[in-house]
Amino acid sequence: MFEPTHGSAPKYAGQYKVNPTAAIPAAKMMLDWLGETERAARIQDAVAQVIAEGQVRTYDLGGSASTLEMAEAITEVAKG
């Protein structure tokens, strides 16, 4: 099973305000386990880059981006 250590945060379902950067590395761990190490590394690097750039941040990081906006920013970086 691959999930964030804090669980799925069901009380926030549909509110689009939760930071997805704990859930996305869970997918990275799954890809590692499946032997997709290059894709896993791209995901890990993309999460780190988006956080470091600081242009897209959810409320817990001092920003106003939604869960979807944060996930989309990470996806764009991971695509290259």
PDB file of N, CA and C in Angstrom:
ATOM      1  N   MET A   1       0.839  -1.164   0.000  1.00  0.00           N
ATOM      2  CA  MET A   1       0.000   0.000   0.000  1.00  0.00           C
ATOM      3  C   MET A   1       0.892   1.238   0.000  1.00  0.00           C
ATOM      4  N   PHE A   2       0.533   2.210  -0.795  1.00  0.00           N
ATOM      5  CA  PHE A   2       1.289   3.446  -0.900  1.00  0.00           C
ATOM      6  C   PHE A   2       0.333   4.601  -0.629  1.00  0.00           C
ATOM      7  N   GLU A   3       0.530   5.266   0.493  1.00  0.00           N
ATOM      8  CA  GLU A   3      -0.306   6.415   0.828  1.00  0.00           C
ATOM      9  C   GLU A   3       0.487   7.370   1.708  1.00  0.00           C
ATOM     10  N   PRO A   4       0.051   8.629   1.769  1.00  0.00           N
ATOM     11  CA  PRO A   4       0.741   9.585   2.628  1.00  0.00           C
ATOM     12  C   PRO A   4       0.672   9.121   4.084  1.00  0.00           C
ATOM     13  N   THR A   5       1.666   9.452   4.853  1.00  0.00           N
ATOM     14  CA  THR A   5       1.690   9.020   6.248  1.00  0.00           C
ATOM     15  C   THR A   5       0.545   9.605   7.053  1.00  0.00           C
ATOM     16  N   HIS A   6       0.011  10.730   6.627  1.00  0.00           N
ATOM     17  CA  HIS A   6      -1.107  11.335   7.352  1.00  0.00           C
ATOM     18  C   HIS A   6      -2.445  10.766   6.926  1.00  0.00           C
ATOM     19  N   GLY A   7      -2.472   9.872   5.968  1.00  0.00           N
ATOM     20  CA  GLY A   7      -3.714   9.309   5.473  1.00  0.00           C
ATOM     21  C   GLY A   7      -4.265  10.125   4.320  1.00  0.00           C
ATOM     22  N   SER A   8      -5.531   9.952   4.039  1.00  0.00           N
ATOM     23  CA  SER A   8      -6.126  10.576   2.861  1.00  0.00           C
ATOM     24  C   SER A   8      -6.848  11.896   3.153  1.00  0.00           C
ATOM     25  N   ALA A   9      -6.940  12.304   4.406  1.00  0.00           N
ATOM     26  CA  ALA A   9      -7.585  13.561   4.813  1.00  0.00           C
ATOM     27  C   ALA A   9      -9.002  13.685   4.261  1.00  0.00           C
ATOM     28  N   PRO A  10      -9.876  12.713   4.527  1.00  0.00           N
ATOM     29  CA  PRO A  10     -11.219  12.741   3.960  1.00  0.00           C
ATOM     30  C   PRO A  10     -12.055  13.947   4.386  1.00  0.00           C
ATOM     31  N   LYS A  11     -11.745  14.547   5.521  1.00  0.00           N
ATOM     32  CA  LYS A  11     -12.541  15.705   5.953  1.00  0.00           C
ATOM     33  C   LYS A  11     -12.367  16.904   5.020  1.00  0.00           C
ATOM     34  N   TYR A  12     -11.321  16.883   4.195  1.00  0.00           N
ATOM     35  CA  TYR A  12     -11.085  17.969   3.242  1.00  0.00           C
ATOM     36  C   TYR A  12     -11.506  17.623   1.814  1.00  0.00           C
ATOM     37  N   ALA A  13     -12.130  16.480   1.640  1.00  0.00           N
ATOM     38  CA  ALA A  13     -12.527  16.036   0.302  1.00  0.00           C
ATOM     39  C   ALA A  13     -13.386  17.090  -0.382  1.00  0.00           C
ATOM     40  N   GLY A  14     -13.042  17.389  -1.628  1.00  0.00           N
ATOM     41  CA  GLY A  14     -13.800  18.326  -2.435  1.00  0.00           C
ATOM     42  C   GLY A  14     -13.543  19.792  -2.155  1.00  0.00           C
ATOM     43  N   GLN A  15     -12.695  20.097  -1.183  1.00  0.00           N
ATOM     44  CA  GLN A  15     -12.418  21.497  -0.848  1.00  0.00           C
ATOM     45  C   GLN A  15     -11.224  22.059  -1.623  1.00  0.00           C
ATOM     46  N   TYR A  16     -10.424  21.218  -2.194  1.00  0.00           N
ATOM     47  CA  TYR A  16      -9.264  21.603  -3.011  1.00  0.00           C
ATOM     48  C   TYR A  16      -8.298  22.544  -2.286  1.00  0.00           C
ATOM     49  N   LYS A  17      -8.114  22.322  -0.990  1.00  0.00           N
ATOM     50  CA  LYS A  17      -7.191  23.181  -0.262  1.00  0.00           C
ATOM     51  C   LYS A  17      -6.026  22.431   0.376  1.00  0.00           C
ATOM     52  N   VAL A  18      -6.015  21.128   0.258  1.00  0.00           N
ATOM     53  CA  VAL A  18      -4.966  20.323   0.871  1.00  0.00           C
ATOM     54  C   VAL A  18      -3.731  20.283  -0.028  1.00  0.00           C
ATOM     55  N   ASN A  19      -2.582  20.387   0.570  1.00  0.00           N
ATOM     56  CA  ASN A  19      -1.317  20.319  -0.148  1.00  0.00           C
ATOM     57  C   ASN A  19      -1.097  18.880  -0.623  1.00  0.00           C
ATOM     58  N   PRO A  20      -0.977  18.662  -1.928  1.00  0.00           N
ATOM     59  CA  PRO A  20      -0.823  17.300  -2.442  1.00  0.00           C
ATOM     60  C   PRO A  20       0.607  16.758  -2.380  1.00  0.00           C
ATOM     61  N   THR A  21       1.533  17.545  -1.843  1.00  0.00           N
ATOM     62  CA  THR A  21       2.938  17.116  -1.895  1.00  0.00           C
ATOM     63  C   THR A  21       3.266  15.993  -0.926  1.00  0.00           C
ATOM     64  N   ALA A  22       2.322  15.526  -0.142  1.00  0.00           N
ATOM     65  CA  ALA A  22       2.536  14.303   0.631  1.00  0.00           C
ATOM     66  C   ALA A  22       2.004  13.093  -0.127  1.00  0.00           C
ATOM     67  N   ALA A  23       0.940  13.308  -0.883  1.00  0.00           N
ATOM     68  CA  ALA A  23       0.348  12.197  -1.643  1.00  0.00           C
ATOM     69  C   ALA A  23       1.162  11.863  -2.886  1.00  0.00           C
ATOM     70  N   ILE A  24       1.705  12.871  -3.529  1.00  0.00           N
ATOM     71  CA  ILE A  24       2.448  12.640  -4.771  1.00  0.00           C
ATOM     72  C   ILE A  24       3.690  11.768  -4.541  1.00  0.00           C
ATOM     73  N   PRO A  25       4.471  11.993  -3.479  1.00  0.00           N
ATOM     74  CA  PRO A  25       5.599  11.083  -3.240  1.00  0.00           C
ATOM     75  C   PRO A  25       5.179   9.639  -2.950  1.00  0.00           C
ATOM     76  N   ALA A  26       3.945   9.437  -2.502  1.00  0.00           N
ATOM     77  CA  ALA A  26       3.465   8.065  -2.327  1.00  0.00           C
ATOM     78  C   ALA A  26       3.401   7.372  -3.694  1.00  0.00           C
ATOM     79  N   ALA A  27       2.995   8.121  -4.715  1.00  0.00           N
ATOM     80  CA  ALA A  27       2.998   7.569  -6.074  1.00  0.00           C
ATOM     81  C   ALA A  27       4.420   7.305  -6.539  1.00  0.00           C
ATOM     82  N   LYS A  28       5.335   8.184  -6.144  1.00  0.00           N
ATOM     83  CA  LYS A  28       6.758   7.999  -6.467  1.00  0.00           C
ATOM     84  C   LYS A  28       7.277   6.692  -5.855  1.00  0.00           C
ATOM     85  N   MET A  29       6.891   6.420  -4.608  1.00  0.00           N
ATOM     86  CA  MET A  29       7.320   5.177  -3.949  1.00  0.00           C
ATOM     87  C   MET A  29       6.775   3.954  -4.682  1.00  0.00           C
ATOM     88  N   MET A  30       5.524   4.057  -5.167  1.00  0.00           N
ATOM     89  CA  MET A  30       4.935   2.960  -5.914  1.00  0.00           C
ATOM     90  C   MET A  30       5.715   2.713  -7.206  1.00  0.00           C
ATOM     91  N   LEU A  31       6.062   3.799  -7.900  1.00  0.00           N
ATOM     92  CA  LEU A  31       6.831   3.650  -9.138  1.00  0.00           C
ATOM     93  C   LEU A  31       8.204   3.030  -8.870  1.00  0.00           C
ATOM     94  N   ASP A  32       8.851   3.432  -7.789  1.00  0.00           N
ATOM     95  CA  ASP A  32      10.123   2.798  -7.409  1.00  0.00           C
ATOM     96  C   ASP A  32       9.934   1.297  -7.223  1.00  0.00           C
ATOM     97  N   TRP A  33       8.907   0.931  -6.509  1.00  0.00           N
ATOM     98  CA  TRP A  33       8.632  -0.473  -6.228  1.00  0.00           C
ATOM     99  C   TRP A  33       8.365  -1.253  -7.511  1.00  0.00           C
ATOM    100  N   LEU A  34       7.731  -0.574  -8.474  1.00  0.00           N
ATOM    101  CA  LEU A  34       7.440  -1.215  -9.754  1.00  0.00           C
ATOM    102  C   LEU A  34       8.640  -1.228 -10.704  1.00  0.00           C
ATOM    103  N   GLY A  35       9.755  -0.625 -10.269  1.00  0.00           N
ATOM    104  CA  GLY A  35      10.949  -0.598 -11.099  1.00  0.00           C
ATOM    105  C   GLY A  35      11.001   0.574 -12.061  1.00  0.00           C
ATOM    106  N   GLU A  36      10.097   1.501 -11.940  1.00  0.00           N
ATOM    107  CA  GLU A  36      10.050   2.691 -12.800  1.00  0.00           C
ATOM    108  C   GLU A  36      10.854   3.819 -12.148  1.00  0.00           C
ATOM    109  N   THR A  37      12.141   3.566 -11.953  1.00  0.00           N
ATOM    110  CA  THR A  37      12.961   4.492 -11.178  1.00  0.00           C
ATOM    111  C   THR A  37      13.161   5.850 -11.845  1.00  0.00           C
ATOM    112  N   GLU A  38      13.230   5.888 -13.169  1.00  0.00           N
ATOM    113  CA  GLU A  38      13.401   7.174 -13.853  1.00  0.00           C
ATOM    114  C   GLU A  38      12.164   8.048 -13.673  1.00  0.00           C
ATOM    115  N   ARG A  39      11.007   7.459 -13.840  1.00  0.00           N
ATOM    116  CA  ARG A  39       9.764   8.226 -13.637  1.00  0.00           C
ATOM    117  C   ARG A  39       9.627   8.653 -12.182  1.00  0.00           C
ATOM    118  N   ALA A  40       9.998   7.786 -11.276  1.00  0.00           N
ATOM    119  CA  ALA A  40       9.932   8.122  -9.850  1.00  0.00           C
ATOM    120  C   ALA A  40      10.835   9.298  -9.526  1.00  0.00           C
ATOM    121  N   ALA A  41      12.017   9.298 -10.077  1.00  0.00           N
ATOM    122  CA  ALA A  41      12.960  10.403  -9.833  1.00  0.00           C
ATOM    123  C   ALA A  41      12.431  11.707 -10.417  1.00  0.00           C
ATOM    124  N   ARG A  42      11.800  11.645 -11.582  1.00  0.00           N
ATOM    125  CA  ARG A  42      11.236  12.866 -12.175  1.00  0.00           C
ATOM    126  C   ARG A  42      10.152  13.460 -11.291  1.00  0.00           C
ATOM    127  N   ILE A  43       9.339  12.611 -10.695  1.00  0.00           N
ATOM    128  CA  ILE A  43       8.293  13.093  -9.790  1.00  0.00           C
ATOM    129  C   ILE A  43       8.917  13.741  -8.562  1.00  0.00           C
ATOM    130  N   GLN A  44       9.873  13.062  -7.965  1.00  0.00           N
ATOM    131  CA  GLN A  44      10.534  13.599  -6.767  1.00  0.00           C
ATOM    132  C   GLN A  44      11.199  14.941  -7.063  1.00  0.00           C
ATOM    133  N   ASP A  45      11.891  15.021  -8.173  1.00  0.00           N
ATOM    134  CA  ASP A  45      12.560  16.268  -8.555  1.00  0.00           C
ATOM    135  C   ASP A  45      11.553  17.380  -8.835  1.00  0.00           C
ATOM    136  N   ALA A  46      10.438  17.039  -9.449  1.00  0.00           N
ATOM    137  CA  ALA A  46       9.416  18.042  -9.767  1.00  0.00           C
ATOM    138  C   ALA A  46       8.795  18.621  -8.500  1.00  0.00           C
ATOM    139  N   VAL A  47       8.497  17.778  -7.529  1.00  0.00           N
ATOM    140  CA  VAL A  47       7.950  18.258  -6.256  1.00  0.00           C
ATOM    141  C   VAL A  47       8.937  19.223  -5.604  1.00  0.00           C
ATOM    142  N   ALA A  48      10.204  18.827  -5.545  1.00  0.00           N
ATOM    143  CA  ALA A  48      11.228  19.678  -4.930  1.00  0.00           C
ATOM    144  C   ALA A  48      11.378  20.999  -5.668  1.00  0.00           C
ATOM    145  N   GLN A  49      11.338  20.964  -6.990  1.00  0.00           N
ATOM    146  CA  GLN A  49      11.517  22.179  -7.785  1.00  0.00           C
ATOM    147  C   GLN A  49      10.350  23.153  -7.584  1.00  0.00           C
ATOM    148  N   VAL A  50       9.127  22.652  -7.610  1.00  0.00           N
ATOM    149  CA  VAL A  50       7.965  23.527  -7.440  1.00  0.00           C
ATOM    150  C   VAL A  50       7.988  24.172  -6.059  1.00  0.00           C
ATOM    151  N   ILE A  51       8.316  23.405  -5.048  1.00  0.00           N
ATOM    152  CA  ILE A  51       8.383  23.968  -3.691  1.00  0.00           C
ATOM    153  C   ILE A  51       9.504  24.998  -3.605  1.00  0.00           C
ATOM    154  N   ALA A  52      10.656  24.686  -4.168  1.00  0.00           N
ATOM    155  CA  ALA A  52      11.802  25.612  -4.106  1.00  0.00           C
ATOM    156  C   ALA A  52      11.523  26.915  -4.852  1.00  0.00           C
ATOM    157  N   GLU A  53      10.857  26.832  -6.005  1.00  0.00           N
ATOM    158  CA  GLU A  53      10.546  28.036  -6.775  1.00  0.00           C
ATOM    159  C   GLU A  53       9.564  28.929  -6.030  1.00  0.00           C
ATOM    160  N   GLY A  54       8.634  28.327  -5.299  1.00  0.00           N
ATOM    161  CA  GLY A  54       7.707  29.074  -4.468  1.00  0.00           C
ATOM    162  C   GLY A  54       6.651  29.879  -5.181  1.00  0.00           C
ATOM    163  N   GLN A  55       6.491  29.697  -6.473  1.00  0.00           N
ATOM    164  CA  GLN A  55       5.483  30.461  -7.214  1.00  0.00           C
ATOM    165  C   GLN A  55       4.088  29.876  -7.062  1.00  0.00           C
ATOM    166  N   VAL A  56       4.000  28.580  -6.845  1.00  0.00           N
ATOM    167  CA  VAL A  56       2.715  27.918  -6.632  1.00  0.00           C
ATOM    168  C   VAL A  56       2.786  27.285  -5.246  1.00  0.00           C
ATOM    169  N   ARG A  57       1.948  27.806  -4.346  1.00  0.00           N
ATOM    170  CA  ARG A  57       1.945  27.306  -2.969  1.00  0.00           C
ATOM    171  C   ARG A  57       0.527  27.203  -2.448  1.00  0.00           C
ATOM    172  N   THR A  58       0.261  26.127  -1.724  1.00  0.00           N
ATOM    173  CA  THR A  58      -1.029  25.990  -1.057  1.00  0.00           C
ATOM    174  C   THR A  58      -1.007  26.816   0.227  1.00  0.00           C
ATOM    175  N   TYR A  59      -2.167  26.939   0.862  1.00  0.00           N
ATOM    176  CA  TYR A  59      -2.282  27.815   2.033  1.00  0.00           C
ATOM    177  C   TYR A  59      -1.308  27.472   3.153  1.00  0.00           C
ATOM    178  N   ASP A  60      -1.012  26.192   3.345  1.00  0.00           N
ATOM    179  CA  ASP A  60      -0.111  25.794   4.425  1.00  0.00           C
ATOM    180  C   ASP A  60       1.338  26.213   4.161  1.00  0.00           C
ATOM    181  N   LEU A  61       1.627  26.573   2.917  1.00  0.00           N
ATOM    182  CA  LEU A  61       2.966  27.056   2.555  1.00  0.00           C
ATOM    183  C   LEU A  61       2.968  28.574   2.346  1.00  0.00           C
ATOM    184  N   GLY A  62       1.873  29.221   2.753  1.00  0.00           N
ATOM    185  CA  GLY A  62       1.791  30.664   2.643  1.00  0.00           C
ATOM    186  C   GLY A  62       1.235  31.182   1.330  1.00  0.00           C
ATOM    187  N   GLY A  63       0.639  30.308   0.553  1.00  0.00           N
ATOM    188  CA  GLY A  63       0.093  30.724  -0.736  1.00  0.00           C
ATOM    189  C   GLY A  63      -1.408  30.581  -0.807  1.00  0.00           C
ATOM    190  N   SER A  64      -1.915  30.658  -2.011  1.00  0.00           N
ATOM    191  CA  SER A  64      -3.361  30.553  -2.201  1.00  0.00           C
ATOM    192  C   SER A  64      -3.733  29.547  -3.285  1.00  0.00           C
ATOM    193  N   ALA A  65      -2.786  28.771  -3.749  1.00  0.00           N
ATOM    194  CA  ALA A  65      -3.051  27.783  -4.802  1.00  0.00           C
ATOM    195  C   ALA A  65      -3.924  26.652  -4.266  1.00  0.00           C
ATOM    196  N   SER A  66      -4.743  26.119  -5.143  1.00  0.00           N
ATOM    197  CA  SER A  66      -5.576  24.973  -4.777  1.00  0.00           C
ATOM    198  C   SER A  66      -4.758  23.681  -4.887  1.00  0.00           C
ATOM    199  N   THR A  67      -5.340  22.620  -4.393  1.00  0.00           N
ATOM    200  CA  THR A  67      -4.721  21.298  -4.528  1.00  0.00           C
ATOM    201  C   THR A  67      -4.436  21.004  -6.000  1.00  0.00           C
ATOM    202  N   LEU A  68      -5.423  21.268  -6.841  1.00  0.00           N
ATOM    203  CA  LEU A  68      -5.286  21.002  -8.272  1.00  0.00           C
ATOM    204  C   LEU A  68      -4.198  21.860  -8.904  1.00  0.00           C
ATOM    205  N   GLU A  69      -4.124  23.137  -8.553  1.00  0.00           N
ATOM    206  CA  GLU A  69      -3.098  24.014  -9.118  1.00  0.00           C
ATOM    207  C   GLU A  69      -1.693  23.545  -8.728  1.00  0.00           C
ATOM    208  N   MET A  70      -1.542  23.111  -7.496  1.00  0.00           N
ATOM    209  CA  MET A  70      -0.238  22.608  -7.041  1.00  0.00           C
ATOM    210  C   MET A  70       0.122  21.325  -7.795  1.00  0.00           C
ATOM    211  N   ALA A  71      -0.840  20.428  -7.911  1.00  0.00           N
ATOM    212  CA  ALA A  71      -0.598  19.165  -8.622  1.00  0.00           C
ATOM    213  C   ALA A  71      -0.286  19.416 -10.092  1.00  0.00           C
ATOM    214  N   GLU A  72      -0.983  20.356 -10.706  1.00  0.00           N
ATOM    215  CA  GLU A  72      -0.722  20.679 -12.110  1.00  0.00           C
ATOM    216  C   GLU A  72       0.670  21.271 -12.299  1.00  0.00           C
ATOM    217  N   ALA A  73       1.104  22.119 -11.376  1.00  0.00           N
ATOM    218  CA  ALA A  73       2.452  22.696 -11.468  1.00  0.00           C
ATOM    219  C   ALA A  73       3.502  21.597 -11.395  1.00  0.00           C
ATOM    220  N   ILE A  74       3.312  20.663 -10.495  1.00  0.00           N
ATOM    221  CA  ILE A  74       4.258  19.548 -10.356  1.00  0.00           C
ATOM    222  C   ILE A  74       4.235  18.677 -11.604  1.00  0.00           C
ATOM    223  N   THR A  75       3.060  18.432 -12.140  1.00  0.00           N
ATOM    224  CA  THR A  75       2.927  17.625 -13.357  1.00  0.00           C
ATOM    225  C   THR A  75       3.646  18.264 -14.529  1.00  0.00           C
ATOM    226  N   GLU A  76       3.497  19.554 -14.680  1.00  0.00           N
ATOM    227  CA  GLU A  76       4.160  20.268 -15.788  1.00  0.00           C
ATOM    228  C   GLU A  76       5.677  20.162 -15.689  1.00  0.00           C
ATOM    229  N   VAL A  77       6.208  20.300 -14.481  1.00  0.00           N
ATOM    230  CA  VAL A  77       7.654  20.185 -14.307  1.00  0.00           C
ATOM    231  C   VAL A  77       8.110  18.753 -14.577  1.00  0.00           C
ATOM    232  N   ALA A  78       7.358  17.782 -14.092  1.00  0.00           N
ATOM    233  CA  ALA A  78       7.731  16.377 -14.282  1.00  0.00           C
ATOM    234  C   ALA A  78       7.700  15.962 -15.752  1.00  0.00           C
ATOM    235  N   LYS A  79       6.800  16.566 -16.526  1.00  0.00           N
ATOM    236  CA  LYS A  79       6.723  16.244 -17.956  1.00  0.00           C
ATOM    237  C   LYS A  79       7.968  16.717 -18.696  1.00  0.00           C
ATOM    238  N   GLY A  80       8.573  17.790 -18.185  1.00  0.00           N
ATOM    239  CA  GLY A  80       9.778  18.308 -18.822  1.00  0.00           C
ATOM    240  C   GLY A  80       9.523  19.241 -19.877  1.00  0.00           C
TER     241      GLY A  80
END
